[in-house]
Amino acid sequence: MYWFYKKMKYKELQSEMEKAFEKWSENPANDENYTAYDVAKQKFMAYCVDTLAELMEENKDVLERLKNA
């Protein structure tokens, strides 16, 4: 269930970022749209980094095997 939530949140943030980008790309001179896109992108990227850090913490054995390969 936990990873199901993570996947849903990922898709939600990705969709918000894509919609904000589309809106901004229709009118690149609009600073408000750019700010909305930038905020959405930062939220998405932060979520990805947090998830990756969590995965790395949970899978230390896999990382050690990769280092020694």
Protein backbone atom coordinates (compact mmCIF):
# COMPACT_ATOMS: atom_id res chain seq x y z
CA MET A 1 0.00 0.00 0.00
CA TYR A 2 2.81 2.38 0.85
CA TRP A 3 4.41 2.20 -2.61
CA PHE A 4 1.01 2.50 -4.23
CA TYR A 5 0.63 5.88 -2.48
CA LYS A 6 4.15 6.88 -3.52
CA LYS A 7 3.37 6.07 -7.16
CA MET A 8 0.10 8.01 -7.06
CA LYS A 9 1.84 11.04 -5.52
CA TYR A 10 4.60 10.82 -8.16
CA LYS A 11 2.06 10.80 -10.99
CA GLU A 12 0.09 13.67 -9.40
CA LEU A 13 3.15 15.91 -9.02
CA GLN A 14 4.40 15.01 -12.50
CA SER A 15 1.02 15.89 -13.99
CA GLU A 16 0.91 19.22 -12.15
CA MET A 17 4.39 20.05 -13.42
CA GLU A 18 3.50 19.14 -17.01
CA LYS A 19 0.30 21.21 -16.92
CA ALA A 20 2.16 24.20 -15.50
CA PHE A 21 4.82 23.85 -18.20
CA GLU A 22 2.20 23.71 -20.96
CA LYS A 23 0.48 26.81 -19.59
CA TRP A 24 3.78 28.69 -19.35
CA SER A 25 4.98 27.55 -22.80
CA GLU A 26 1.83 29.03 -24.37
CA ASN A 27 2.93 32.45 -23.11
CA PRO A 28 6.63 32.42 -22.09
CA ALA A 29 6.57 36.13 -21.23
CA ASN A 30 4.12 35.53 -18.37
CA ASP A 31 6.17 35.58 -15.16
CA GLU A 32 3.28 34.28 -13.08
CA ASN A 33 3.00 31.15 -15.23
CA TYR A 34 6.76 30.64 -15.09
CA THR A 35 6.73 30.89 -11.30
CA ALA A 36 3.91 28.35 -11.11
CA TYR A 37 5.88 25.99 -13.36
CA ASP A 38 9.07 26.49 -11.35
CA VAL A 39 7.29 25.74 -8.06
CA ALA A 40 5.61 22.63 -9.51
CA LYS A 41 8.94 21.43 -10.90
CA GLN A 42 10.68 21.96 -7.56
CA LYS A 43 7.97 20.01 -5.73
CA PHE A 44 8.26 17.14 -8.21
CA MET A 45 12.05 17.06 -8.06
CA ALA A 46 12.11 17.21 -4.26
CA TYR A 47 9.68 14.31 -4.10
CA CYS A 48 11.85 12.29 -6.49
CA VAL A 49 14.98 12.99 -4.45
CA ASP A 50 13.24 12.08 -1.19
CA THR A 51 11.95 8.83 -2.69
CA LEU A 52 15.38 7.95 -4.06
CA ALA A 53 17.00 8.60 -0.67
CA GLU A 54 14.40 6.38 0.97
CA LEU A 55 15.01 3.60 -1.55
CA MET A 56 18.76 3.85 -1.06
CA GLU A 57 18.32 3.64 2.72
CA GLU A 58 16.07 0.58 2.46
CA ASN A 59 18.36 -1.18 -0.03
CA LYS A 60 21.84 -0.68 1.40
CA ASP A 61 22.77 -4.27 0.56
CA VAL A 62 22.06 -3.71 -3.14
CA LEU A 63 24.17 -0.56 -3.16
CA GLU A 64 27.08 -2.38 -1.51
CA ARG A 65 26.91 -5.16 -4.13
CA LEU A 66 26.91 -2.55 -6.90
CA LYS A 67 29.95 -0.82 -5.41
CA ASN A 68 31.85 -4.09 -5.23
CA ALA A 69 30.93 -5.25 -8.73
